[in-house]
Amino acid sequence: MSELRNNTAAGRYEMDEQGQTSWADYREKDGRLYIDHVESPPALRGTGAAGRLMKALAQDAKDRDLKITPICGYAAAWLRRSPEYRELVS
């Protein structure tokens, strides 16, 4: 597993595992991170890769004092299941 990368040019967070990249498309505006879409390649589905990406993304938002507005259903569900990051949801 690699470290989280914030690819600002593409508007996405990225994380590599097993030679594959999971990503979360986002927009940042007015102190908020809008998470539009989270995806892992088929080879990583069911391995927890998207959850690890979300945890790293949420920690980055927390460290940067950003709120998170989940547009993506997966991101919204992950945040509901993660009490340590619920205060970030707006």
PDB file of N, CA and C in Angstrom:
ATOM      1  N   MET A   1       0.846  -1.182   0.000  1.00  0.00           N
ATOM      2  CA  MET A   1       0.000   0.000   0.000  1.00  0.00           C
ATOM      3  C   MET A   1       0.887   1.239   0.000  1.00  0.00           C
ATOM      4  N   SER A   2       0.495   2.228  -0.759  1.00  0.00           N
ATOM      5  CA  SER A   2       1.278   3.459  -0.823  1.00  0.00           C
ATOM      6  C   SER A   2       0.611   4.546   0.009  1.00  0.00           C
ATOM      7  N   GLU A   3       1.276   5.651   0.070  1.00  0.00           N
ATOM      8  CA  GLU A   3       0.731   6.821   0.743  1.00  0.00           C
ATOM      9  C   GLU A   3      -0.334   7.471  -0.129  1.00  0.00           C
ATOM     10  N   LEU A   4      -1.194   8.219   0.517  1.00  0.00           N
ATOM     11  CA  LEU A   4      -2.213   8.985  -0.192  1.00  0.00           C
ATOM     12  C   LEU A   4      -1.540  10.084  -1.002  1.00  0.00           C
ATOM     13  N   ARG A   5      -1.971  10.251  -2.246  1.00  0.00           N
ATOM     14  CA  ARG A   5      -1.512  11.356  -3.088  1.00  0.00           C
ATOM     15  C   ARG A   5      -2.708  12.253  -3.377  1.00  0.00           C
ATOM     16  N   ASN A   6      -2.496  13.548  -3.240  1.00  0.00           N
ATOM     17  CA  ASN A   6      -3.511  14.513  -3.625  1.00  0.00           C
ATOM     18  C   ASN A   6      -3.111  15.055  -4.992  1.00  0.00           C
ATOM     19  N   ASN A   7      -3.729  14.526  -6.027  1.00  0.00           N
ATOM     20  CA  ASN A   7      -3.447  14.940  -7.402  1.00  0.00           C
ATOM     21  C   ASN A   7      -4.356  16.134  -7.707  1.00  0.00           C
ATOM     22  N   THR A   8      -3.909  17.320  -7.318  1.00  0.00           N
ATOM     23  CA  THR A   8      -4.748  18.511  -7.456  1.00  0.00           C
ATOM     24  C   THR A   8      -5.052  18.843  -8.909  1.00  0.00           C
ATOM     25  N   ALA A   9      -4.134  18.544  -9.820  1.00  0.00           N
ATOM     26  CA  ALA A   9      -4.369  18.824 -11.244  1.00  0.00           C
ATOM     27  C   ALA A   9      -5.559  18.032 -11.772  1.00  0.00           C
ATOM     28  N   ALA A  10      -5.726  16.803 -11.292  1.00  0.00           N
ATOM     29  CA  ALA A  10      -6.835  15.955 -11.734  1.00  0.00           C
ATOM     30  C   ALA A  10      -8.045  16.061 -10.809  1.00  0.00           C
ATOM     31  N   GLY A  11      -7.892  16.734  -9.656  1.00  0.00           N
ATOM     32  CA  GLY A  11      -8.989  16.825  -8.699  1.00  0.00           C
ATOM     33  C   GLY A  11      -9.323  15.468  -8.104  1.00  0.00           C
ATOM     34  N   ARG A  12      -8.275  14.727  -7.719  1.00  0.00           N
ATOM     35  CA  ARG A  12      -8.532  13.405  -7.144  1.00  0.00           C
ATOM     36  C   ARG A  12      -7.442  13.020  -6.153  1.00  0.00           C
ATOM     37  N   TYR A  13      -7.880  12.273  -5.154  1.00  0.00           N
ATOM     38  CA  TYR A  13      -6.953  11.601  -4.255  1.00  0.00           C
ATOM     39  C   TYR A  13      -6.685  10.230  -4.849  1.00  0.00           C
ATOM     40  N   GLU A  14      -5.450   9.743  -4.717  1.00  0.00           N
ATOM     41  CA  GLU A  14      -5.072   8.450  -5.285  1.00  0.00           C
ATOM     42  C   GLU A  14      -4.256   7.658  -4.274  1.00  0.00           C
ATOM     43  N   MET A  15      -4.403   6.335  -4.334  1.00  0.00           N
ATOM     44  CA  MET A  15      -3.622   5.438  -3.491  1.00  0.00           C
ATOM     45  C   MET A  15      -3.375   4.152  -4.268  1.00  0.00           C
ATOM     46  N   ASP A  16      -2.126   3.715  -4.290  1.00  0.00           N
ATOM     47  CA  ASP A  16      -1.755   2.501  -5.025  1.00  0.00           C
ATOM     48  C   ASP A  16      -1.665   1.298  -4.094  1.00  0.00           C
ATOM     49  N   GLU A  17      -2.129   0.165  -4.587  1.00  0.00           N
ATOM     50  CA  GLU A  17      -1.984  -1.130  -3.920  1.00  0.00           C
ATOM     51  C   GLU A  17      -1.864  -2.186  -5.000  1.00  0.00           C
ATOM     52  N   GLN A  18      -0.957  -3.104  -4.820  1.00  0.00           N
ATOM     53  CA  GLN A  18      -0.793  -4.232  -5.739  1.00  0.00           C
ATOM     54  C   GLN A  18      -0.695  -3.775  -7.202  1.00  0.00           C
ATOM     55  N   GLY A  19      -0.027  -2.652  -7.422  1.00  0.00           N
ATOM     56  CA  GLY A  19       0.152  -2.143  -8.776  1.00  0.00           C
ATOM     57  C   GLY A  19      -1.092  -1.529  -9.394  1.00  0.00           C
ATOM     58  N   GLN A  20      -2.129  -1.312  -8.593  1.00  0.00           N
ATOM     59  CA  GLN A  20      -3.395  -0.732  -9.066  1.00  0.00           C
ATOM     60  C   GLN A  20      -3.667   0.549  -8.274  1.00  0.00           C
ATOM     61  N   THR A  21      -4.432   1.455  -8.856  1.00  0.00           N
ATOM     62  CA  THR A  21      -4.730   2.729  -8.202  1.00  0.00           C
ATOM     63  C   THR A  21      -6.214   2.863  -7.899  1.00  0.00           C
ATOM     64  N   SER A  22      -6.534   3.122  -6.638  1.00  0.00           N
ATOM     65  CA  SER A  22      -7.886   3.513  -6.225  1.00  0.00           C
ATOM     66  C   SER A  22      -7.901   5.030  -6.184  1.00  0.00           C
ATOM     67  N   TRP A  23      -9.068   5.632  -6.401  1.00  0.00           N
ATOM     68  CA  TRP A  23      -9.111   7.086  -6.412  1.00  0.00           C
ATOM     69  C   TRP A  23     -10.456   7.608  -5.925  1.00  0.00           C
ATOM     70  N   ALA A  24     -10.424   8.883  -5.547  1.00  0.00           N
ATOM     71  CA  ALA A  24     -11.626   9.614  -5.152  1.00  0.00           C
ATOM     72  C   ALA A  24     -11.591  10.964  -5.853  1.00  0.00           C
ATOM     73  N   ASP A  25     -12.559  11.195  -6.722  1.00  0.00           N
ATOM     74  CA  ASP A  25     -12.681  12.493  -7.388  1.00  0.00           C
ATOM     75  C   ASP A  25     -13.300  13.481  -6.404  1.00  0.00           C
ATOM     76  N   TYR A  26     -12.780  14.689  -6.373  1.00  0.00           N
ATOM     77  CA  TYR A  26     -13.281  15.676  -5.424  1.00  0.00           C
ATOM     78  C   TYR A  26     -13.213  17.083  -6.006  1.00  0.00           C
ATOM     79  N   ARG A  27     -13.923  17.970  -5.335  1.00  0.00           N
ATOM     80  CA  ARG A  27     -13.817  19.413  -5.563  1.00  0.00           C
ATOM     81  C   ARG A  27     -13.611  20.046  -4.194  1.00  0.00           C
ATOM     82  N   GLU A  28     -12.761  21.047  -4.123  1.00  0.00           N
ATOM     83  CA  GLU A  28     -12.538  21.758  -2.867  1.00  0.00           C
ATOM     84  C   GLU A  28     -12.990  23.195  -3.037  1.00  0.00           C
ATOM     85  N   LYS A  29     -13.875  23.632  -2.136  1.00  0.00           N
ATOM     86  CA  LYS A  29     -14.391  24.994  -2.222  1.00  0.00           C
ATOM     87  C   LYS A  29     -14.854  25.442  -0.843  1.00  0.00           C
ATOM     88  N   ASP A  30     -14.471  26.653  -0.472  1.00  0.00           N
ATOM     89  CA  ASP A  30     -14.929  27.286   0.769  1.00  0.00           C
ATOM     90  C   ASP A  30     -14.754  26.393   1.993  1.00  0.00           C
ATOM     91  N   GLY A  31     -13.592  25.776   2.123  1.00  0.00           N
ATOM     92  CA  GLY A  31     -13.316  24.957   3.293  1.00  0.00           C
ATOM     93  C   GLY A  31     -14.012  23.611   3.309  1.00  0.00           C
ATOM     94  N   ARG A  32     -14.521  23.196   2.163  1.00  0.00           N
ATOM     95  CA  ARG A  32     -15.210  21.904   2.051  1.00  0.00           C
ATOM     96  C   ARG A  32     -14.585  21.058   0.961  1.00  0.00           C
ATOM     97  N   LEU A  33     -14.595  19.772   1.204  1.00  0.00           N
ATOM     98  CA  LEU A  33     -14.175  18.784   0.225  1.00  0.00           C
ATOM     99  C   LEU A  33     -15.441  18.058  -0.222  1.00  0.00           C
ATOM    100  N   TYR A  34     -15.823  18.223  -1.465  1.00  0.00           N
ATOM    101  CA  TYR A  34     -16.979  17.531  -2.031  1.00  0.00           C
ATOM    102  C   TYR A  34     -16.458  16.255  -2.686  1.00  0.00           C
ATOM    103  N   ILE A  35     -16.823  15.103  -2.153  1.00  0.00           N
ATOM    104  CA  ILE A  35     -16.363  13.819  -2.689  1.00  0.00           C
ATOM    105  C   ILE A  35     -17.399  13.342  -3.702  1.00  0.00           C
ATOM    106  N   ASP A  36     -17.045  13.457  -4.983  1.00  0.00           N
ATOM    107  CA  ASP A  36     -17.977  13.133  -6.064  1.00  0.00           C
ATOM    108  C   ASP A  36     -18.031  11.651  -6.403  1.00  0.00           C
ATOM    109  N   HIS A  37     -16.905  10.959  -6.288  1.00  0.00           N
ATOM    110  CA  HIS A  37     -16.867   9.566  -6.739  1.00  0.00           C
ATOM    111  C   HIS A  37     -15.662   8.866  -6.123  1.00  0.00           C
ATOM    112  N   VAL A  38     -15.866   7.654  -5.639  1.00  0.00           N
ATOM    113  CA  VAL A  38     -14.778   6.821  -5.113  1.00  0.00           C
ATOM    114  C   VAL A  38     -14.790   5.522  -5.903  1.00  0.00           C
ATOM    115  N   GLU A  39     -13.614   5.085  -6.338  1.00  0.00           N
ATOM    116  CA  GLU A  39     -13.560   3.850  -7.122  1.00  0.00           C
ATOM    117  C   GLU A  39     -12.242   3.116  -6.913  1.00  0.00           C
ATOM    118  N   SER A  40     -12.348   1.798  -6.939  1.00  0.00           N
ATOM    119  CA  SER A  40     -11.177   0.915  -6.946  1.00  0.00           C
ATOM    120  C   SER A  40     -11.263   0.048  -8.188  1.00  0.00           C
ATOM    121  N   PRO A  41     -10.129  -0.337  -8.765  1.00  0.00           N
ATOM    122  CA  PRO A  41     -10.146  -1.242  -9.913  1.00  0.00           C
ATOM    123  C   PRO A  41     -10.762  -2.592  -9.515  1.00  0.00           C
ATOM    124  N   PRO A  42     -11.313  -3.320 -10.470  1.00  0.00           N
ATOM    125  CA  PRO A  42     -11.938  -4.617 -10.156  1.00  0.00           C
ATOM    126  C   PRO A  42     -11.044  -5.549  -9.336  1.00  0.00           C
ATOM    127  N   ALA A  43      -9.748  -5.559  -9.602  1.00  0.00           N
ATOM    128  CA  ALA A  43      -8.840  -6.457  -8.872  1.00  0.00           C
ATOM    129  C   ALA A  43      -8.751  -6.121  -7.386  1.00  0.00           C
ATOM    130  N   LEU A  44      -9.090  -4.886  -7.002  1.00  0.00           N
ATOM    131  CA  LEU A  44      -8.995  -4.471  -5.598  1.00  0.00           C
ATOM    132  C   LEU A  44     -10.342  -4.457  -4.894  1.00  0.00           C
ATOM    133  N   ARG A  45     -11.420  -4.653  -5.609  1.00  0.00           N
ATOM    134  CA  ARG A  45     -12.744  -4.617  -4.981  1.00  0.00           C
ATOM    135  C   ARG A  45     -12.878  -5.766  -3.996  1.00  0.00           C
ATOM    136  N   GLY A  46     -13.447  -5.451  -2.859  1.00  0.00           N
ATOM    137  CA  GLY A  46     -13.611  -6.449  -1.814  1.00  0.00           C
ATOM    138  C   GLY A  46     -12.390  -6.628  -0.926  1.00  0.00           C
ATOM    139  N   THR A  47     -11.337  -5.868  -1.170  1.00  0.00           N
ATOM    140  CA  THR A  47     -10.109  -5.988  -0.369  1.00  0.00           C
ATOM    141  C   THR A  47     -10.008  -4.916   0.710  1.00  0.00           C
ATOM    142  N   GLY A  48     -10.932  -3.962   0.713  1.00  0.00           N
ATOM    143  CA  GLY A  48     -10.863  -2.854   1.659  1.00  0.00           C
ATOM    144  C   GLY A  48     -10.062  -1.672   1.150  1.00  0.00           C
ATOM    145  N   ALA A  49      -9.640  -1.726  -0.114  1.00  0.00           N
ATOM    146  CA  ALA A  49      -8.806  -0.650  -0.670  1.00  0.00           C
ATOM    147  C   ALA A  49      -9.532   0.693  -0.651  1.00  0.00           C
ATOM    148  N   ALA A  50     -10.803   0.705  -1.031  1.00  0.00           N
ATOM    149  CA  ALA A  50     -11.555   1.967  -1.048  1.00  0.00           C
ATOM    150  C   ALA A  50     -11.717   2.513   0.366  1.00  0.00           C
ATOM    151  N   GLY A  51     -11.904   1.639   1.337  1.00  0.00           N
ATOM    152  CA  GLY A  51     -12.004   2.068   2.729  1.00  0.00           C
ATOM    153  C   GLY A  51     -10.704   2.670   3.235  1.00  0.00           C
ATOM    154  N   ARG A  52      -9.587   2.068   2.869  1.00  0.00           N
ATOM    155  CA  ARG A  52      -8.286   2.632   3.269  1.00  0.00           C
ATOM    156  C   ARG A  52      -8.065   3.993   2.616  1.00  0.00           C
ATOM    157  N   LEU A  53      -8.488   4.127   1.368  1.00  0.00           N
ATOM    158  CA  LEU A  53      -8.404   5.418   0.683  1.00  0.00           C
ATOM    159  C   LEU A  53      -9.252   6.451   1.414  1.00  0.00           C
ATOM    160  N   MET A  54     -10.489   6.083   1.760  1.00  0.00           N
ATOM    161  CA  MET A  54     -11.374   7.017   2.459  1.00  0.00           C
ATOM    162  C   MET A  54     -10.804   7.420   3.817  1.00  0.00           C
ATOM    163  N   LYS A  55     -10.223   6.469   4.533  1.00  0.00           N
ATOM    164  CA  LYS A  55      -9.651   6.801   5.844  1.00  0.00           C
ATOM    165  C   LYS A  55      -8.515   7.805   5.692  1.00  0.00           C
ATOM    166  N   ALA A  56      -7.639   7.586   4.724  1.00  0.00           N
ATOM    167  CA  ALA A  56      -6.527   8.512   4.499  1.00  0.00           C
ATOM    168  C   ALA A  56      -7.034   9.876   4.038  1.00  0.00           C
ATOM    169  N   LEU A  57      -8.035   9.880   3.173  1.00  0.00           N
ATOM    170  CA  LEU A  57      -8.632  11.121   2.674  1.00  0.00           C
ATOM    171  C   LEU A  57      -9.271  11.893   3.828  1.00  0.00           C
ATOM    172  N   ALA A  58     -10.040  11.193   4.672  1.00  0.00           N
ATOM    173  CA  ALA A  58     -10.703  11.846   5.803  1.00  0.00           C
ATOM    174  C   ALA A  58      -9.676  12.413   6.782  1.00  0.00           C
ATOM    175  N   GLN A  59      -8.603  11.684   7.017  1.00  0.00           N
ATOM    176  CA  GLN A  59      -7.564  12.188   7.917  1.00  0.00           C
ATOM    177  C   GLN A  59      -6.900  13.427   7.331  1.00  0.00           C
ATOM    178  N   ASP A  60      -6.680  13.436   6.024  1.00  0.00           N
ATOM    179  CA  ASP A  60      -6.107  14.611   5.372  1.00  0.00           C
ATOM    180  C   ASP A  60      -7.044  15.809   5.527  1.00  0.00           C
ATOM    181  N   ALA A  61      -8.335  15.593   5.326  1.00  0.00           N
ATOM    182  CA  ALA A  61      -9.313  16.679   5.493  1.00  0.00           C
ATOM    183  C   ALA A  61      -9.290  17.194   6.933  1.00  0.00           C
ATOM    184  N   LYS A  62      -9.245  16.277   7.890  1.00  0.00           N
ATOM    185  CA  LYS A  62      -9.205  16.666   9.302  1.00  0.00           C
ATOM    186  C   LYS A  62      -7.947  17.476   9.603  1.00  0.00           C
ATOM    187  N   ASP A  63      -6.811  17.009   9.112  1.00  0.00           N
ATOM    188  CA  ASP A  63      -5.545  17.712   9.333  1.00  0.00           C
ATOM    189  C   ASP A  63      -5.550  19.106   8.718  1.00  0.00           C
ATOM    190  N   ARG A  64      -6.315  19.283   7.654  1.00  0.00           N
ATOM    191  CA  ARG A  64      -6.377  20.572   6.952  1.00  0.00           C
ATOM    192  C   ARG A  64      -7.594  21.401   7.371  1.00  0.00           C
ATOM    193  N   ASP A  65      -8.314  20.953   8.398  1.00  0.00           N
ATOM    194  CA  ASP A  65      -9.503  21.651   8.910  1.00  0.00           C
ATOM    195  C   ASP A  65     -10.562  21.854   7.837  1.00  0.00           C
ATOM    196  N   LEU A  66     -10.769  20.837   7.007  1.00  0.00           N
ATOM    197  CA  LEU A  66     -11.801  20.886   5.975  1.00  0.00           C
ATOM    198  C   LEU A  66     -12.998  20.052   6.406  1.00  0.00           C
ATOM    199  N   LYS A  67     -14.174  20.452   5.998  1.00  0.00           N
ATOM    200  CA  LYS A  67     -15.383  19.646   6.151  1.00  0.00           C
ATOM    201  C   LYS A  67     -15.526  18.792   4.898  1.00  0.00           C
ATOM    202  N   ILE A  68     -16.263  17.695   5.007  1.00  0.00           N
ATOM    203  CA  ILE A  68     -16.483  16.805   3.868  1.00  0.00           C
ATOM    204  C   ILE A  68     -17.966  16.764   3.538  1.00  0.00           C
ATOM    205  N   THR A  69     -18.276  16.976   2.279  1.00  0.00           N
ATOM    206  CA  THR A  69     -19.637  16.807   1.775  1.00  0.00           C
ATOM    207  C   THR A  69     -19.600  15.636   0.803  1.00  0.00           C
ATOM    208  N   PRO A  70     -20.114  14.469   1.236  1.00  0.00           N
ATOM    209  CA  PRO A  70     -20.073  13.305   0.354  1.00  0.00           C
ATOM    210  C   PRO A  70     -21.211  13.343  -0.663  1.00  0.00           C
ATOM    211  N   ILE A  71     -20.876  13.376  -1.924  1.00  0.00           N
ATOM    212  CA  ILE A  71     -21.853  13.275  -3.004  1.00  0.00           C
ATOM    213  C   ILE A  71     -22.001  11.795  -3.375  1.00  0.00           C
ATOM    214  N   CYS A  72     -20.893  11.103  -3.390  1.00  0.00           N
ATOM    215  CA  CYS A  72     -20.828   9.673  -3.699  1.00  0.00           C
ATOM    216  C   CYS A  72     -21.488   8.857  -2.578  1.00  0.00           C
ATOM    217  N   GLY A  73     -22.312   7.896  -2.958  1.00  0.00           N
ATOM    218  CA  GLY A  73     -22.978   7.039  -1.984  1.00  0.00           C
ATOM    219  C   GLY A  73     -22.005   6.238  -1.134  1.00  0.00           C
ATOM    220  N   TYR A  74     -20.928   5.745  -1.741  1.00  0.00           N
ATOM    221  CA  TYR A  74     -19.942   4.983  -0.975  1.00  0.00           C
ATOM    222  C   TYR A  74     -19.284   5.874   0.078  1.00  0.00           C
ATOM    223  N   ALA A  75     -18.892   7.084  -0.313  1.00  0.00           N
ATOM    224  CA  ALA A  75     -18.253   8.002   0.637  1.00  0.00           C
ATOM    225  C   ALA A  75     -19.198   8.325   1.790  1.00  0.00           C
ATOM    226  N   ALA A  76     -20.473   8.555   1.486  1.00  0.00           N
ATOM    227  CA  ALA A  76     -21.456   8.858   2.528  1.00  0.00           C
ATOM    228  C   ALA A  76     -21.604   7.679   3.487  1.00  0.00           C
ATOM    229  N   ALA A  77     -21.708   6.465   2.946  1.00  0.00           N
ATOM    230  CA  ALA A  77     -21.855   5.271   3.787  1.00  0.00           C
ATOM    231  C   ALA A  77     -20.605   5.053   4.638  1.00  0.00           C
ATOM    232  N   TRP A  78     -19.432   5.232   4.064  1.00  0.00           N
ATOM    233  CA  TRP A  78     -18.190   5.044   4.814  1.00  0.00           C
ATOM    234  C   TRP A  78     -18.120   6.032   5.978  1.00  0.00           C
ATOM    235  N   LEU A  79     -18.476   7.274   5.735  1.00  0.00           N
ATOM    236  CA  LEU A  79     -18.437   8.283   6.795  1.00  0.00           C
ATOM    237  C   LEU A  79     -19.453   7.978   7.894  1.00  0.00           C
ATOM    238  N   ARG A  80     -20.620   7.448   7.539  1.00  0.00           N
ATOM    239  CA  ARG A  80     -21.610   7.063   8.555  1.00  0.00           C
ATOM    240  C   ARG A  80     -21.072   5.939   9.448  1.00  0.00           C
ATOM    241  N   ARG A  81     -20.271   5.048   8.891  1.00  0.00           N
ATOM    242  CA  ARG A  81     -19.714   3.912   9.641  1.00  0.00           C
ATOM    243  C   ARG A  81     -18.422   4.267  10.378  1.00  0.00           C
ATOM    244  N   SER A  82     -17.972   5.491  10.284  1.00  0.00           N
ATOM    245  CA  SER A  82     -16.667   5.886  10.841  1.00  0.00           C
ATOM    246  C   SER A  82     -16.841   7.019  11.845  1.00  0.00           C
ATOM    247  N   PRO A  83     -17.177   6.676  13.089  1.00  0.00           N
ATOM    248  CA  PRO A  83     -17.482   7.717  14.080  1.00  0.00           C
ATOM    249  C   PRO A  83     -16.351   8.709  14.316  1.00  0.00           C
ATOM    250  N   GLU A  84     -15.108   8.284  14.112  1.00  0.00           N
ATOM    251  CA  GLU A  84     -13.988   9.196  14.364  1.00  0.00           C
ATOM    252  C   GLU A  84     -13.913  10.336  13.355  1.00  0.00           C
ATOM    253  N   TYR A  85     -14.680  10.240  12.265  1.00  0.00           N
ATOM    254  CA  TYR A  85     -14.662  11.299  11.247  1.00  0.00           C
ATOM    255  C   TYR A  85     -16.032  11.943  11.034  1.00  0.00           C
ATOM    256  N   ARG A  86     -17.025  11.568  11.812  1.00  0.00           N
ATOM    257  CA  ARG A  86     -18.380  12.106  11.606  1.00  0.00           C
ATOM    258  C   ARG A  86     -18.454  13.617  11.744  1.00  0.00           C
ATOM    259  N   GLU A  87     -17.611  14.177  12.616  1.00  0.00           N
ATOM    260  CA  GLU A  87     -17.672  15.637  12.815  1.00  0.00           C
ATOM    261  C   GLU A  87     -17.238  16.403  11.575  1.00  0.00           C
ATOM    262  N   LEU A  88     -16.629  15.719  10.622  1.00  0.00           N
ATOM    263  CA  LEU A  88     -16.200  16.375   9.382  1.00  0.00           C
ATOM    264  C   LEU A  88     -17.332  16.515   8.373  1.00  0.00           C
ATOM    265  N   VAL A  89     -18.389  15.728   8.539  1.00  0.00           N
ATOM    266  CA  VAL A  89     -19.466  15.694   7.541  1.00  0.00           C
ATOM    267  C   VAL A  89     -20.306  16.957   7.636  1.00  0.00           C
ATOM    268  N   SER A  90     -20.528  17.558   6.478  1.00  0.00           N
ATOM    269  CA  SER A  90     -21.385  18.754   6.443  1.00  0.00           C
ATOM    270  C   SER A  90     -22.326  18.670   5.260  1.00  0.00           C
TER     271      SER A  90
END
